All heavy atoms as atom14 arrays in JSON, in Angstrom:
{
  "sequence": "DGAAMLTETIFENRFMHVPELVRFGANINVHGKSAI",
  "atom14_mask": [
    [1, 1, 1, 1, 1, 1, 1, 1, 0, 0, 0, 0, 0, 0],
    [1, 1, 1, 1, 0, 0, 0, 0, 0, 0, 0, 0, 0, 0],
    [1, 1, 1, 1, 1, 0, 0, 0, 0, 0, 0, 0, 0, 0],
    [1, 1, 1, 1, 1, 0, 0, 0, 0, 0, 0, 0, 0, 0],
    [1, 1, 1, 1, 1, 1, 1, 1, 0, 0, 0, 0, 0, 0],
    [1, 1, 1, 1, 1, 1, 1, 1, 0, 0, 0, 0, 0, 0],
    [1, 1, 1, 1, 1, 1, 1, 0, 0, 0, 0, 0, 0, 0],
    [1, 1, 1, 1, 1, 1, 1, 1, 1, 0, 0, 0, 0, 0],
    [1, 1, 1, 1, 1, 1, 1, 0, 0, 0, 0, 0, 0, 0],
    [1, 1, 1, 1, 1, 1, 1, 1, 0, 0, 0, 0, 0, 0],
    [1, 1, 1, 1, 1, 1, 1, 1, 1, 1, 1, 0, 0, 0],
    [1, 1, 1, 1, 1, 1, 1, 1, 1, 0, 0, 0, 0, 0],
    [1, 1, 1, 1, 1, 1, 1, 1, 0, 0, 0, 0, 0, 0],
    [1, 1, 1, 1, 1, 1, 1, 1, 1, 1, 1, 0, 0, 0],
    [1, 1, 1, 1, 1, 1, 1, 1, 1, 1, 1, 0, 0, 0],
    [1, 1, 1, 1, 1, 1, 1, 1, 0, 0, 0, 0, 0, 0],
    [1, 1, 1, 1, 1, 1, 1, 1, 1, 1, 0, 0, 0, 0],
    [1, 1, 1, 1, 1, 1, 1, 0, 0, 0, 0, 0, 0, 0],
    [1, 1, 1, 1, 1, 1, 1, 0, 0, 0, 0, 0, 0, 0],
    [1, 1, 1, 1, 1, 1, 1, 1, 1, 0, 0, 0, 0, 0],
    [1, 1, 1, 1, 1, 1, 1, 1, 0, 0, 0, 0, 0, 0],
    [1, 1, 1, 1, 1, 1, 1, 0, 0, 0, 0, 0, 0, 0],
    [1, 1, 1, 1, 1, 1, 1, 1, 1, 1, 1, 0, 0, 0],
    [1, 1, 1, 1, 1, 1, 1, 1, 1, 1, 1, 0, 0, 0],
    [1, 1, 1, 1, 0, 0, 0, 0, 0, 0, 0, 0, 0, 0],
    [1, 1, 1, 1, 1, 0, 0, 0, 0, 0, 0, 0, 0, 0],
    [1, 1, 1, 1, 1, 1, 1, 1, 0, 0, 0, 0, 0, 0],
    [1, 1, 1, 1, 1, 1, 1, 1, 0, 0, 0, 0, 0, 0],
    [1, 1, 1, 1, 1, 1, 1, 1, 0, 0, 0, 0, 0, 0],
    [1, 1, 1, 1, 1, 1, 1, 0, 0, 0, 0, 0, 0, 0],
    [1, 1, 1, 1, 1, 1, 1, 1, 1, 1, 0, 0, 0, 0],
    [1, 1, 1, 1, 0, 0, 0, 0, 0, 0, 0, 0, 0, 0],
    [1, 1, 1, 1, 1, 1, 1, 1, 1, 0, 0, 0, 0, 0],
    [1, 1, 1, 1, 1, 1, 0, 0, 0, 0, 0, 0, 0, 0],
    [1, 1, 1, 1, 1, 0, 0, 0, 0, 0, 0, 0, 0, 0],
    [1, 1, 1, 1, 1, 1, 1, 1, 0, 0, 0, 0, 0, 0]
  ],
  "atom14_positions": [
    [[-125.43, -19.64, -85.15], [-124.38, -19.48, -84.16], [-123.09, -18.91, -84.82], [-122.49, -19.6, -85.59], [-124.14, -20.94, -83.63], [-123.1, -20.9, -82.46], [-122.91, -19.8, -81.84], [-122.46, -21.94, -82.2], [0.0, 0.0, 0.0], [0.0, 0.0, 0.0], [0.0, 0.0, 0.0], [0.0, 0.0, 0.0], [0.0, 0.0, 0.0], [0.0, 0.0, 0.0]],
    [[-122.84, -17.69, -84.58], [-121.66, -17.03, -85.15], [-122.12, -15.95, -86.13], [-123.31, -15.54, -86.19], [0.0, 0.0, 0.0], [0.0, 0.0, 0.0], [0.0, 0.0, 0.0], [0.0, 0.0, 0.0], [0.0, 0.0, 0.0], [0.0, 0.0, 0.0], [0.0, 0.0, 0.0], [0.0, 0.0, 0.0], [0.0, 0.0, 0.0], [0.0, 0.0, 0.0]],
    [[-121.17, -15.51, -86.94], [-121.43, -14.43, -87.85], [-121.3, -14.9, -89.23], [-120.73, -15.94, -89.58], [-120.43, -13.37, -87.6], [0.0, 0.0, 0.0], [0.0, 0.0, 0.0], [0.0, 0.0, 0.0], [0.0, 0.0, 0.0], [0.0, 0.0, 0.0], [0.0, 0.0, 0.0], [0.0, 0.0, 0.0], [0.0, 0.0, 0.0], [0.0, 0.0, 0.0]],
    [[-121.89, -14.12, -90.2], [-121.89, -14.44, -91.6], [-121.81, -13.07, -92.34], [-122.4, -12.1, -91.95], [-123.08, -15.22, -92.07], [0.0, 0.0, 0.0], [0.0, 0.0, 0.0], [0.0, 0.0, 0.0], [0.0, 0.0, 0.0], [0.0, 0.0, 0.0], [0.0, 0.0, 0.0], [0.0, 0.0, 0.0], [0.0, 0.0, 0.0], [0.0, 0.0, 0.0]],
    [[-121.08, -13.11, -93.56], [-121.11, -11.92, -94.34], [-121.92, -12.27, -95.66], [-121.7, -13.24, -96.31], [-119.68, -11.48, -94.74], [-119.69, -10.17, -95.6], [-118.05, -9.43, -95.7], [-117.22, -10.51, -96.8], [0.0, 0.0, 0.0], [0.0, 0.0, 0.0], [0.0, 0.0, 0.0], [0.0, 0.0, 0.0], [0.0, 0.0, 0.0], [0.0, 0.0, 0.0]],
    [[-122.78, -11.37, -96.01], [-123.58, -11.57, -97.27], [-123.4, -10.39, -98.15], [-123.43, -9.25, -97.81], [-125.08, -11.57, -96.75], [-126.15, -12.06, -97.79], [-127.35, -12.47, -97.05], [-126.48, -10.93, -98.73], [0.0, 0.0, 0.0], [0.0, 0.0, 0.0], [0.0, 0.0, 0.0], [0.0, 0.0, 0.0], [0.0, 0.0, 0.0], [0.0, 0.0, 0.0]],
    [[-122.93, -10.7, -99.37], [-122.56, -9.73, -100.37], [-123.5, -9.77, -101.53], [-123.69, -10.83, -102.19], [-121.13, -9.95, -100.92], [-120.27, -9.82, -99.69], [-120.77, -8.76, -101.76], [0.0, 0.0, 0.0], [0.0, 0.0, 0.0], [0.0, 0.0, 0.0], [0.0, 0.0, 0.0], [0.0, 0.0, 0.0], [0.0, 0.0, 0.0], [0.0, 0.0, 0.0]],
    [[-124.22, -8.63, -101.86], [-125.13, -8.56, -102.93], [-124.48, -7.91, -104.2], [-124.03, -6.75, -104.13], [-126.33, -7.67, -102.53], [-127.33, -7.34, -103.61], [-127.93, -8.57, -104.24], [-128.49, -9.42, -103.45], [-127.85, -8.75, -105.44], [0.0, 0.0, 0.0], [0.0, 0.0, 0.0], [0.0, 0.0, 0.0], [0.0, 0.0, 0.0], [0.0, 0.0, 0.0]],
    [[-124.32, -8.65, -105.29], [-123.63, -8.18, -106.48], [-124.63, -7.91, -107.61], [-124.16, -7.39, -108.63], [-122.62, -9.18, -106.98], [-123.28, -10.38, -107.47], [-121.61, -9.56, -105.83], [0.0, 0.0, 0.0], [0.0, 0.0, 0.0], [0.0, 0.0, 0.0], [0.0, 0.0, 0.0], [0.0, 0.0, 0.0], [0.0, 0.0, 0.0], [0.0, 0.0, 0.0]],
    [[-125.89, -8.15, -107.47], [-126.78, -8.11, -108.63], [-127.57, -6.75, -108.62], [-127.57, -6.07, -109.63], [-127.84, -9.29, -108.58], [-127.11, -10.64, -108.54], [-128.68, -9.17, -109.92], [-126.21, -10.99, -109.61], [0.0, 0.0, 0.0], [0.0, 0.0, 0.0], [0.0, 0.0, 0.0], [0.0, 0.0, 0.0], [0.0, 0.0, 0.0], [0.0, 0.0, 0.0]],
    [[-128.22, -6.47, -107.49], [-129.06, -5.19, -107.39], [-128.5, -4.27, -106.38], [-128.02, -4.72, -105.26], [-130.49, -5.58, -107.07], [-131.13, -6.37, -108.17], [-131.73, -7.64, -107.86], [-131.25, -5.95, -109.43], [-132.43, -8.38, -108.88], [-131.92, -6.67, -110.41], [-132.43, -7.91, -110.16], [0.0, 0.0, 0.0], [0.0, 0.0, 0.0], [0.0, 0.0, 0.0]],
    [[-128.56, -2.96, -106.6], [-127.93, -2.03, -105.83], [-128.75, -1.59, -104.64], [-128.24, -0.94, -103.75], [-127.58, -0.72, -106.68], [-128.73, 0.16, -107.06], [-129.53, -0.37, -108.31], [-129.21, -1.44, -108.73], [-130.35, 0.39, -108.75], [0.0, 0.0, 0.0], [0.0, 0.0, 0.0], [0.0, 0.0, 0.0], [0.0, 0.0, 0.0], [0.0, 0.0, 0.0]],
    [[-129.96, -2.02, -104.6], [-130.87, -1.51, -103.51], [-131.63, -2.68, -102.83], [-132.86, -2.52, -102.62], [-131.83, -0.48, -104.14], [-132.58, 0.37, -103.08], [-132.01, 0.5, -101.96], [-133.75, 0.85, -103.32], [0.0, 0.0, 0.0], [0.0, 0.0, 0.0], [0.0, 0.0, 0.0], [0.0, 0.0, 0.0], [0.0, 0.0, 0.0], [0.0, 0.0, 0.0]],
    [[-130.94, -3.77, -102.62], [-131.58, -4.91, -102.16], [-131.33, -5.25, -100.64], [-131.49, -6.33, -100.27], [-131.32, -6.15, -103.01], [-132.51, -7.15, -102.99], [-132.45, -8.16, -104.03], [-133.82, -8.72, -104.2], [-134.12, -9.66, -105.04], [-133.34, -10.09, -105.89], [-135.35, -10.1, -105.14], [0.0, 0.0, 0.0], [0.0, 0.0, 0.0], [0.0, 0.0, 0.0]],
    [[-131.12, -4.29, -99.87], [-131.01, -4.47, -98.4], [-132.15, -3.66, -97.65], [-131.98, -3.45, -96.48], [-129.67, -3.95, -97.92], [-128.57, -4.94, -98.21], [-127.27, -4.49, -98.48], [-128.73, -6.33, -98.32], [-126.24, -5.33, -98.74], [-127.73, -7.22, -98.52], [-126.48, -6.68, -98.81], [0.0, 0.0, 0.0], [0.0, 0.0, 0.0], [0.0, 0.0, 0.0]],
    [[-133.26, -3.36, -98.39], [-134.32, -2.57, -97.7], [-134.98, -3.41, -96.63], [-135.68, -2.81, -95.76], [-135.29, -2.12, -98.79], [-134.75, -1.12, -99.8], [-136.04, -0.37, -100.75], [-136.65, -1.82, -101.59], [0.0, 0.0, 0.0], [0.0, 0.0, 0.0], [0.0, 0.0, 0.0], [0.0, 0.0, 0.0], [0.0, 0.0, 0.0], [0.0, 0.0, 0.0]],
    [[-134.87, -4.69, -96.63], [-135.49, -5.54, -95.56], [-134.67, -5.47, -94.23], [-135.22, -5.92, -93.21], [-135.61, -7.0, -96.0], [-134.34, -7.5, -96.63], [-133.93, -7.25, -97.84], [-133.31, -8.4, -96.08], [-132.78, -7.87, -98.09], [-132.37, -8.5, -97.03], [0.0, 0.0, 0.0], [0.0, 0.0, 0.0], [0.0, 0.0, 0.0], [0.0, 0.0, 0.0]],
    [[-133.41, -4.98, -94.35], [-132.64, -5.03, -93.17], [-133.3, -4.23, -91.94], [-133.36, -4.84, -90.84], [-131.27, -4.45, -93.4], [-130.39, -4.2, -92.01], [-130.47, -5.41, -94.29], [0.0, 0.0, 0.0], [0.0, 0.0, 0.0], [0.0, 0.0, 0.0], [0.0, 0.0, 0.0], [0.0, 0.0, 0.0], [0.0, 0.0, 0.0], [0.0, 0.0, 0.0]],
    [[-133.74, -3.0, -92.08], [-134.37, -2.34, -90.92], [-135.57, -3.16, -90.34], [-135.83, -3.13, -89.13], [-134.9, -1.03, -91.47], [-133.95, -0.74, -92.67], [-133.74, -2.15, -93.25], [0.0, 0.0, 0.0], [0.0, 0.0, 0.0], [0.0, 0.0, 0.0], [0.0, 0.0, 0.0], [0.0, 0.0, 0.0], [0.0, 0.0, 0.0], [0.0, 0.0, 0.0]],
    [[-136.31, -3.84, -91.2], [-137.44, -4.64, -90.68], [-137.02, -5.9, -89.93], [-137.44, -6.24, -88.96], [-138.32, -5.03, -91.85], [-138.92, -3.85, -92.58], [-139.73, -2.87, -91.74], [-140.57, -3.34, -90.97], [-139.35, -1.64, -91.76], [0.0, 0.0, 0.0], [0.0, 0.0, 0.0], [0.0, 0.0, 0.0], [0.0, 0.0, 0.0], [0.0, 0.0, 0.0]],
    [[-135.91, -6.55, -90.44], [-135.37, -7.66, -89.68], [-134.78, -7.2, -88.37], [-134.85, -8.0, -87.39], [-134.33, -8.39, -90.51], [-134.75, -9.13, -91.8], [-133.52, -9.61, -92.58], [-135.7, -10.23, -91.53], [0.0, 0.0, 0.0], [0.0, 0.0, 0.0], [0.0, 0.0, 0.0], [0.0, 0.0, 0.0], [0.0, 0.0, 0.0], [0.0, 0.0, 0.0]],
    [[-134.17, -6.05, -88.35], [-133.62, -5.49, -87.03], [-134.73, -5.35, -86.07], [-134.51, -5.52, -84.79], [-132.89, -4.19, -87.31], [-132.54, -3.52, -86.06], [-131.59, -4.44, -88.16], [0.0, 0.0, 0.0], [0.0, 0.0, 0.0], [0.0, 0.0, 0.0], [0.0, 0.0, 0.0], [0.0, 0.0, 0.0], [0.0, 0.0, 0.0], [0.0, 0.0, 0.0]],
    [[-135.94, -5.09, -86.41], [-137.04, -4.98, -85.56], [-137.38, -6.21, -84.74], [-137.92, -6.18, -83.66], [-138.33, -4.56, -86.3], [-138.29, -3.11, -86.81], [-139.53, -2.69, -87.57], [-140.7, -2.74, -86.75], [-141.2, -1.84, -86.03], [-140.56, -0.7, -85.87], [-142.29, -1.98, -85.24], [0.0, 0.0, 0.0], [0.0, 0.0, 0.0], [0.0, 0.0, 0.0]],
    [[-136.92, -7.33, -85.27], [-137.04, -8.69, -84.53], [-135.99, -8.82, -83.54], [-135.98, -9.69, -82.65], [-136.93, -9.82, -85.57], [-138.07, -10.02, -86.37], [-138.15, -9.48, -87.64], [-139.14, -10.86, -86.0], [-139.17, -9.71, -88.57], [-140.22, -11.06, -86.93], [-140.19, -10.52, -88.21], [0.0, 0.0, 0.0], [0.0, 0.0, 0.0], [0.0, 0.0, 0.0]],
    [[-134.96, -7.85, -83.58], [-133.73, -8.02, -82.71], [-132.56, -8.52, -83.41], [-131.48, -8.74, -82.86], [0.0, 0.0, 0.0], [0.0, 0.0, 0.0], [0.0, 0.0, 0.0], [0.0, 0.0, 0.0], [0.0, 0.0, 0.0], [0.0, 0.0, 0.0], [0.0, 0.0, 0.0], [0.0, 0.0, 0.0], [0.0, 0.0, 0.0], [0.0, 0.0, 0.0]],
    [[-132.61, -8.66, -84.78], [-131.55, -9.25, -85.54], [-130.3, -8.19, -85.51], [-130.58, -7.0, -85.55], [-131.96, -9.44, -86.96], [0.0, 0.0, 0.0], [0.0, 0.0, 0.0], [0.0, 0.0, 0.0], [0.0, 0.0, 0.0], [0.0, 0.0, 0.0], [0.0, 0.0, 0.0], [0.0, 0.0, 0.0], [0.0, 0.0, 0.0], [0.0, 0.0, 0.0]],
    [[-129.15, -8.76, -85.44], [-127.92, -7.99, -85.39], [-127.33, -7.91, -86.75], [-126.6, -8.83, -87.2], [-126.96, -8.5, -84.4], [-125.79, -7.68, -84.15], [-125.42, -6.78, -84.97], [-124.95, -7.93, -83.06], [0.0, 0.0, 0.0], [0.0, 0.0, 0.0], [0.0, 0.0, 0.0], [0.0, 0.0, 0.0], [0.0, 0.0, 0.0], [0.0, 0.0, 0.0]],
    [[-127.57, -6.84, -87.55], [-127.21, -6.76, -89.03], [-126.53, -5.39, -89.14], [-127.18, -4.36, -88.86], [-128.35, -6.95, -89.88], [-129.05, -8.25, -89.62], [-127.86, -6.91, -91.28], [-130.34, -8.45, -90.41], [0.0, 0.0, 0.0], [0.0, 0.0, 0.0], [0.0, 0.0, 0.0], [0.0, 0.0, 0.0], [0.0, 0.0, 0.0], [0.0, 0.0, 0.0]],
    [[-125.38, -5.36, -89.78], [-124.78, -4.06, -90.1], [-124.42, -4.05, -91.62], [-123.81, -5.02, -92.11], [-123.46, -3.9, -89.32], [-123.72, -3.67, -87.89], [-124.27, -2.65, -87.43], [-123.35, -4.6, -86.99], [0.0, 0.0, 0.0], [0.0, 0.0, 0.0], [0.0, 0.0, 0.0], [0.0, 0.0, 0.0], [0.0, 0.0, 0.0], [0.0, 0.0, 0.0]],
    [[-124.88, -3.07, -92.34], [-124.65, -2.97, -93.72], [-123.5, -2.05, -94.11], [-123.38, -0.99, -93.55], [-125.96, -2.45, -94.41], [-125.69, -2.32, -95.94], [-127.04, -3.42, -94.21], [0.0, 0.0, 0.0], [0.0, 0.0, 0.0], [0.0, 0.0, 0.0], [0.0, 0.0, 0.0], [0.0, 0.0, 0.0], [0.0, 0.0, 0.0], [0.0, 0.0, 0.0]],
    [[-122.54, -2.53, -94.83], [-121.44, -1.75, -95.41], [-121.41, -1.85, -96.97], [-120.91, -2.79, -97.5], [-120.15, -2.3, -94.81], [-120.13, -2.35, -93.25], [-119.77, -1.33, -92.44], [-120.4, -3.4, -92.42], [-119.87, -1.66, -91.22], [-120.27, -2.95, -91.2], [0.0, 0.0, 0.0], [0.0, 0.0, 0.0], [0.0, 0.0, 0.0], [0.0, 0.0, 0.0]],
    [[-121.97, -0.78, -97.56], [-122.06, -0.94, -99.04], [-122.78, -2.03, -99.6], [-124.04, -2.16, -99.19], [0.0, 0.0, 0.0], [0.0, 0.0, 0.0], [0.0, 0.0, 0.0], [0.0, 0.0, 0.0], [0.0, 0.0, 0.0], [0.0, 0.0, 0.0], [0.0, 0.0, 0.0], [0.0, 0.0, 0.0], [0.0, 0.0, 0.0], [0.0, 0.0, 0.0]],
    [[-122.18, -2.84, -100.28], [-122.8, -3.98, -100.93], [-122.81, -5.34, -100.05], [-123.29, -6.4, -100.46], [-122.1, -4.41, -102.27], [-122.3, -3.39, -103.34], [-121.63, -3.82, -104.62], [-121.81, -2.83, -105.76], [-121.22, -3.19, -107.09], [0.0, 0.0, 0.0], [0.0, 0.0, 0.0], [0.0, 0.0, 0.0], [0.0, 0.0, 0.0], [0.0, 0.0, 0.0]],
    [[-122.24, -5.15, -98.8], [-122.11, -6.29, -97.92], [-122.89, -6.04, -96.6], [-123.03, -4.88, -96.24], [-120.76, -6.61, -97.63], [-120.04, -7.07, -98.88], [0.0, 0.0, 0.0], [0.0, 0.0, 0.0], [0.0, 0.0, 0.0], [0.0, 0.0, 0.0], [0.0, 0.0, 0.0], [0.0, 0.0, 0.0], [0.0, 0.0, 0.0], [0.0, 0.0, 0.0]],
    [[-123.28, -7.06, -96.01], [-123.97, -6.97, -94.73], [-123.39, -8.05, -93.77], [-123.11, -9.17, -94.22], [-125.47, -7.26, -94.82], [0.0, 0.0, 0.0], [0.0, 0.0, 0.0], [0.0, 0.0, 0.0], [0.0, 0.0, 0.0], [0.0, 0.0, 0.0], [0.0, 0.0, 0.0], [0.0, 0.0, 0.0], [0.0, 0.0, 0.0], [0.0, 0.0, 0.0]],
    [[-123.04, -7.61, -92.53], [-122.52, -8.57, -91.47], [-123.7, -8.93, -90.66], [-124.36, -7.99, -90.08], [-121.4, -7.96, -90.72], [-120.25, -7.5, -91.59], [-120.85, -8.96, -89.66], [-119.51, -8.62, -92.32], [0.0, 0.0, 0.0], [0.0, 0.0, 0.0], [0.0, 0.0, 0.0], [0.0, 0.0, 0.0], [0.0, 0.0, 0.0], [0.0, 0.0, 0.0]]
  ]
}
């Protein structure tokens, strides 16, 4: 319920799962090292 920001500081390419989560209908926007 609501929004969250997730910031990845360890690996530079660790948001590859985002497009797959979006296929479920998830609302995720990636901005550099962070995702809303």
